[in-house]
């Protein structure tokens, strides 16, 4: 059973984008400035539709890159995030992901 679990983890790791780990934290700090307008505010709620905006500090780089790509290509149906991600390059996404992955986690 343990071997099967490790095999599954290896498959997941191979499926992640190669650039997901390795963005530039300092470049990401600048590029994420707009992101911080919502994701950097404690207990922030979006006005419409009303929902709690997640704090994403400490999230994995791979997850953030995958989420941004999902918003950009329409797989994730959030119009504001789609607009934000639509002009991001793969390098931009990797840099932003590196910044948030190295930022303190706030729950």
N, C-alpha and C. Protein backbone atom coordinates (compact mmCIF):
# COMPACT_ATOMS: atom_id res chain seq x y z
N UNK A 1 0.83 -1.20 0.00
CA UNK A 1 0.00 0.00 0.00
C UNK A 1 0.88 1.27 0.00
N UNK A 2 1.95 1.27 0.83
CA UNK A 2 2.82 2.43 0.87
C UNK A 2 3.47 2.67 -0.48
N UNK A 3 3.87 1.60 -1.16
CA UNK A 3 4.49 1.74 -2.48
C UNK A 3 3.51 2.37 -3.47
N UNK A 4 2.25 1.97 -3.41
CA UNK A 4 1.23 2.54 -4.30
C UNK A 4 1.06 4.03 -4.03
N UNK A 5 1.08 4.41 -2.75
CA UNK A 5 0.94 5.81 -2.39
C UNK A 5 2.12 6.63 -2.92
N UNK A 6 3.34 6.09 -2.78
CA UNK A 6 4.51 6.79 -3.29
C UNK A 6 4.47 6.90 -4.81
N UNK A 7 3.96 5.85 -5.47
CA UNK A 7 3.82 5.90 -6.92
C UNK A 7 2.86 6.98 -7.35
N UNK A 8 1.76 7.11 -6.62
CA UNK A 8 0.79 8.15 -6.92
C UNK A 8 1.40 9.54 -6.70
N UNK A 9 2.14 9.71 -5.62
CA UNK A 9 2.80 10.99 -5.37
C UNK A 9 3.80 11.32 -6.47
N UNK A 10 4.52 10.32 -6.94
CA UNK A 10 5.48 10.54 -8.03
C UNK A 10 4.77 10.97 -9.30
N UNK A 11 3.62 10.36 -9.60
CA UNK A 11 2.85 10.76 -10.79
C UNK A 11 2.35 12.19 -10.68
N UNK A 12 1.88 12.55 -9.49
CA UNK A 12 1.39 13.93 -9.28
C UNK A 12 2.54 14.90 -9.45
N UNK A 13 3.69 14.59 -8.87
CA UNK A 13 4.85 15.48 -8.98
C UNK A 13 5.28 15.64 -10.43
N UNK A 14 5.23 14.59 -11.22
CA UNK A 14 5.62 14.68 -12.62
C UNK A 14 4.62 15.50 -13.43
N UNK A 15 3.38 15.53 -12.99
CA UNK A 15 2.34 16.26 -13.73
C UNK A 15 2.40 17.76 -13.47
N UNK A 16 3.07 18.17 -12.39
CA UNK A 16 3.15 19.59 -12.08
C UNK A 16 4.06 20.29 -13.08
N UNK A 17 3.76 21.54 -13.39
CA UNK A 17 4.61 22.27 -14.32
C UNK A 17 6.04 22.36 -13.81
N UNK A 18 6.99 22.22 -14.69
CA UNK A 18 8.40 22.23 -14.29
C UNK A 18 8.81 23.56 -13.67
N UNK A 19 8.19 24.65 -14.08
CA UNK A 19 8.58 25.96 -13.59
C UNK A 19 7.88 26.36 -12.30
N UNK A 20 6.97 25.50 -11.81
CA UNK A 20 6.19 25.88 -10.63
C UNK A 20 7.09 26.18 -9.44
N UNK A 21 8.13 25.38 -9.24
CA UNK A 21 9.08 25.64 -8.18
C UNK A 21 10.22 26.42 -8.80
N UNK A 22 10.50 27.58 -8.32
CA UNK A 22 11.63 28.29 -8.85
C UNK A 22 11.34 29.69 -9.35
N UNK A 23 10.20 30.24 -9.02
CA UNK A 23 9.95 31.63 -9.38
C UNK A 23 10.82 32.54 -8.53
N UNK A 24 10.91 33.78 -8.92
CA UNK A 24 11.72 34.78 -8.23
C UNK A 24 10.86 35.50 -7.19
N UNK A 25 11.19 35.30 -5.93
CA UNK A 25 10.39 35.86 -4.83
C UNK A 25 10.33 37.39 -4.91
N UNK A 26 11.47 38.03 -5.14
CA UNK A 26 11.49 39.49 -5.17
C UNK A 26 10.72 40.04 -6.37
N UNK A 27 10.85 39.42 -7.53
CA UNK A 27 10.05 39.84 -8.69
C UNK A 27 8.58 39.60 -8.40
N UNK A 28 8.28 38.50 -7.73
CA UNK A 28 6.89 38.19 -7.38
C UNK A 28 6.30 39.18 -6.41
N UNK A 29 7.12 39.72 -5.51
CA UNK A 29 6.65 40.74 -4.56
C UNK A 29 6.09 41.95 -5.31
N UNK A 30 6.77 42.36 -6.37
CA UNK A 30 6.32 43.49 -7.18
C UNK A 30 5.09 43.10 -7.99
N UNK A 31 5.14 41.94 -8.63
CA UNK A 31 4.04 41.50 -9.49
C UNK A 31 2.78 41.19 -8.70
N UNK A 32 2.91 40.84 -7.43
CA UNK A 32 1.76 40.48 -6.60
C UNK A 32 1.13 41.69 -5.91
N UNK A 33 1.61 42.87 -6.20
CA UNK A 33 1.08 44.07 -5.57
C UNK A 33 -0.44 44.18 -5.73
N UNK A 34 -0.92 43.94 -6.92
CA UNK A 34 -2.37 44.00 -7.17
C UNK A 34 -3.09 42.91 -6.38
N UNK A 35 -2.50 41.73 -6.31
CA UNK A 35 -3.11 40.60 -5.59
C UNK A 35 -3.34 40.94 -4.12
N UNK A 36 -2.38 41.68 -3.55
CA UNK A 36 -2.45 42.00 -2.14
C UNK A 36 -3.64 42.89 -1.80
N UNK A 37 -4.19 43.58 -2.80
CA UNK A 37 -5.36 44.43 -2.58
C UNK A 37 -6.56 43.66 -2.06
N UNK A 38 -6.60 42.36 -2.32
CA UNK A 38 -7.68 41.51 -1.79
C UNK A 38 -7.13 40.42 -0.89
N UNK A 39 -6.11 39.71 -1.38
CA UNK A 39 -5.59 38.54 -0.67
C UNK A 39 -4.71 38.90 0.52
N UNK A 40 -4.39 40.15 0.68
CA UNK A 40 -3.54 40.56 1.80
C UNK A 40 -4.31 41.21 2.94
N UNK A 41 -5.62 41.27 2.83
CA UNK A 41 -6.43 41.94 3.85
C UNK A 41 -7.06 40.89 4.77
N UNK A 42 -6.76 40.94 6.07
CA UNK A 42 -7.37 39.98 6.99
C UNK A 42 -8.90 40.09 7.00
N UNK A 43 -9.55 38.95 6.96
CA UNK A 43 -11.02 38.85 7.06
C UNK A 43 -11.75 39.63 5.98
N UNK A 44 -11.15 39.75 4.80
CA UNK A 44 -11.76 40.51 3.72
C UNK A 44 -12.86 39.70 3.05
N UNK A 45 -13.98 40.35 2.78
CA UNK A 45 -15.10 39.74 2.05
C UNK A 45 -15.33 40.52 0.78
N UNK A 46 -15.49 39.79 -0.31
CA UNK A 46 -15.81 40.39 -1.59
C UNK A 46 -17.25 40.91 -1.52
N UNK A 47 -17.53 42.00 -2.22
CA UNK A 47 -18.87 42.58 -2.17
C UNK A 47 -19.87 41.77 -2.99
N UNK A 48 -19.57 41.50 -4.24
CA UNK A 48 -20.50 40.72 -5.07
C UNK A 48 -19.73 39.83 -6.02
N UNK A 49 -19.97 38.58 -6.03
CA UNK A 49 -20.77 37.86 -5.03
C UNK A 49 -20.05 37.87 -3.69
N UNK A 50 -20.80 37.83 -2.62
CA UNK A 50 -20.23 37.92 -1.29
C UNK A 50 -19.60 36.59 -0.89
N UNK A 51 -18.33 36.62 -0.60
CA UNK A 51 -17.61 35.46 -0.09
C UNK A 51 -16.33 35.95 0.56
N UNK A 52 -15.75 35.10 1.41
CA UNK A 52 -14.51 35.42 2.09
C UNK A 52 -13.35 35.21 1.12
N UNK A 53 -12.52 36.21 0.94
CA UNK A 53 -11.36 36.13 0.06
C UNK A 53 -10.25 35.42 0.84
N UNK A 54 -9.70 34.34 0.28
CA UNK A 54 -8.68 33.60 1.03
C UNK A 54 -7.36 34.33 1.13
N UNK A 55 -6.69 34.18 2.25
CA UNK A 55 -5.31 34.62 2.42
C UNK A 55 -4.46 33.49 1.85
N UNK A 56 -3.55 33.76 0.97
CA UNK A 56 -2.83 32.68 0.28
C UNK A 56 -1.35 32.61 0.63
N UNK A 57 -0.92 33.37 1.61
CA UNK A 57 0.46 33.28 2.06
C UNK A 57 0.75 31.88 2.59
N UNK A 58 1.88 31.32 2.20
CA UNK A 58 2.26 29.99 2.63
C UNK A 58 1.72 28.86 1.77
N UNK A 59 0.88 29.19 0.80
CA UNK A 59 0.34 28.17 -0.12
C UNK A 59 1.47 27.69 -1.02
N UNK A 60 1.38 26.47 -1.53
CA UNK A 60 2.46 25.94 -2.37
C UNK A 60 2.52 26.65 -3.72
N UNK A 61 3.74 26.78 -4.24
CA UNK A 61 3.93 27.41 -5.55
C UNK A 61 3.15 26.68 -6.63
N UNK A 62 3.21 25.35 -6.61
CA UNK A 62 2.54 24.56 -7.65
C UNK A 62 1.04 24.82 -7.64
N UNK A 63 0.44 24.91 -6.45
CA UNK A 63 -1.00 25.16 -6.36
C UNK A 63 -1.34 26.54 -6.92
N UNK A 64 -0.57 27.55 -6.54
CA UNK A 64 -0.87 28.91 -7.00
C UNK A 64 -0.73 29.01 -8.52
N UNK A 65 0.31 28.41 -9.08
CA UNK A 65 0.47 28.43 -10.54
C UNK A 65 -0.72 27.73 -11.20
N UNK A 66 -1.09 26.57 -10.68
CA UNK A 66 -2.22 25.82 -11.26
C UNK A 66 -3.52 26.63 -11.17
N UNK A 67 -3.73 27.31 -10.04
CA UNK A 67 -4.93 28.12 -9.87
C UNK A 67 -4.93 29.28 -10.86
N UNK A 68 -3.81 29.98 -10.98
CA UNK A 68 -3.74 31.12 -11.91
C UNK A 68 -3.97 30.66 -13.35
N UNK A 69 -3.40 29.51 -13.72
CA UNK A 69 -3.63 28.99 -15.07
C UNK A 69 -5.10 28.63 -15.25
N UNK A 70 -5.71 28.07 -14.22
CA UNK A 70 -7.13 27.74 -14.29
C UNK A 70 -8.01 28.96 -14.48
N UNK A 71 -7.67 30.05 -13.80
CA UNK A 71 -8.42 31.29 -13.99
C UNK A 71 -8.19 31.84 -15.39
N UNK A 72 -6.94 31.80 -15.84
CA UNK A 72 -6.60 32.36 -17.16
C UNK A 72 -7.32 31.62 -18.29
N UNK A 73 -7.38 30.29 -18.21
CA UNK A 73 -8.00 29.52 -19.29
C UNK A 73 -9.49 29.27 -19.08
N UNK A 74 -10.06 29.79 -18.02
CA UNK A 74 -11.49 29.68 -17.80
C UNK A 74 -11.95 28.43 -17.07
N UNK A 75 -11.04 27.56 -16.67
CA UNK A 75 -11.42 26.36 -15.91
C UNK A 75 -11.96 26.72 -14.53
N UNK A 76 -11.48 27.82 -13.99
CA UNK A 76 -11.99 28.33 -12.71
C UNK A 76 -12.86 29.54 -13.03
N UNK A 77 -14.14 29.48 -12.69
CA UNK A 77 -15.09 30.50 -13.14
C UNK A 77 -15.22 31.70 -12.20
N UNK A 78 -14.19 32.49 -12.06
CA UNK A 78 -14.28 33.71 -11.26
C UNK A 78 -13.82 34.86 -12.15
N UNK A 79 -14.76 35.71 -12.52
CA UNK A 79 -14.48 36.74 -13.52
C UNK A 79 -13.37 37.72 -13.11
N UNK A 80 -13.34 38.12 -11.86
CA UNK A 80 -12.30 39.05 -11.43
C UNK A 80 -10.92 38.40 -11.51
N UNK A 81 -10.83 37.16 -11.02
CA UNK A 81 -9.55 36.46 -11.07
C UNK A 81 -9.15 36.15 -12.52
N UNK A 82 -10.13 35.86 -13.35
CA UNK A 82 -9.81 35.61 -14.76
C UNK A 82 -9.21 36.87 -15.40
N UNK A 83 -9.80 38.01 -15.09
CA UNK A 83 -9.28 39.28 -15.62
C UNK A 83 -7.87 39.53 -15.10
N UNK A 84 -7.63 39.23 -13.82
CA UNK A 84 -6.30 39.45 -13.25
C UNK A 84 -5.26 38.53 -13.87
N UNK A 85 -5.64 37.28 -14.12
CA UNK A 85 -4.69 36.28 -14.63
C UNK A 85 -4.52 36.33 -16.15
N UNK A 86 -5.43 36.96 -16.84
CA UNK A 86 -5.46 36.88 -18.31
C UNK A 86 -4.18 37.36 -19.00
N UNK A 87 -3.50 38.32 -18.42
CA UNK A 87 -2.28 38.84 -19.05
C UNK A 87 -0.99 38.36 -18.40
N UNK A 88 -1.09 37.41 -17.47
CA UNK A 88 0.10 36.91 -16.80
C UNK A 88 0.81 35.87 -17.67
N UNK A 89 2.12 35.99 -17.78
CA UNK A 89 2.92 34.98 -18.46
C UNK A 89 3.20 33.84 -17.48
N UNK A 90 3.74 32.74 -17.98
CA UNK A 90 4.13 31.64 -17.11
C UNK A 90 5.16 32.12 -16.08
N UNK A 91 6.08 32.97 -16.50
CA UNK A 91 7.11 33.52 -15.60
C UNK A 91 6.47 34.39 -14.52
N UNK A 92 5.50 35.22 -14.92
CA UNK A 92 4.78 36.04 -13.94
C UNK A 92 4.12 35.17 -12.89
N UNK A 93 3.44 34.11 -13.35
CA UNK A 93 2.75 33.22 -12.43
C UNK A 93 3.72 32.55 -11.48
N UNK A 94 4.86 32.10 -12.00
CA UNK A 94 5.87 31.44 -11.16
C UNK A 94 6.42 32.42 -10.12
N UNK A 95 6.65 33.65 -10.52
CA UNK A 95 7.18 34.67 -9.59
C UNK A 95 6.15 34.99 -8.51
N UNK A 96 4.92 35.20 -8.89
CA UNK A 96 3.85 35.49 -7.91
C UNK A 96 3.69 34.31 -6.96
N UNK A 97 3.72 33.11 -7.50
CA UNK A 97 3.59 31.91 -6.67
C UNK A 97 4.75 31.80 -5.68
N UNK A 98 5.95 32.12 -6.12
CA UNK A 98 7.12 32.07 -5.23
C UNK A 98 6.96 33.08 -4.09
N UNK A 99 6.48 34.26 -4.42
CA UNK A 99 6.28 35.28 -3.39
C UNK A 99 5.28 34.80 -2.34
N UNK A 100 4.12 34.32 -2.79
CA UNK A 100 3.10 33.89 -1.82
C UNK A 100 3.54 32.64 -1.06
N UNK A 101 4.24 31.73 -1.70
CA UNK A 101 4.69 30.53 -1.02
C UNK A 101 5.66 30.86 0.12
N UNK A 102 6.41 31.93 -0.05
CA UNK A 102 7.38 32.32 0.98
C UNK A 102 6.83 33.36 1.95
N UNK A 103 5.60 33.82 1.72
CA UNK A 103 4.96 34.77 2.63
C UNK A 103 4.40 34.01 3.84
N UNK A 104 4.25 34.68 4.96
CA UNK A 104 3.70 34.01 6.14
C UNK A 104 2.28 33.51 5.89
N UNK A 105 1.99 32.34 6.41
CA UNK A 105 0.65 31.77 6.29
C UNK A 105 -0.25 32.44 7.31
N UNK A 106 -1.41 32.84 6.89
CA UNK A 106 -2.40 33.45 7.78
C UNK A 106 -3.69 32.66 7.64
N UNK A 107 -4.17 32.18 8.70
CA UNK A 107 -5.39 31.36 8.65
C UNK A 107 -6.51 32.06 9.35
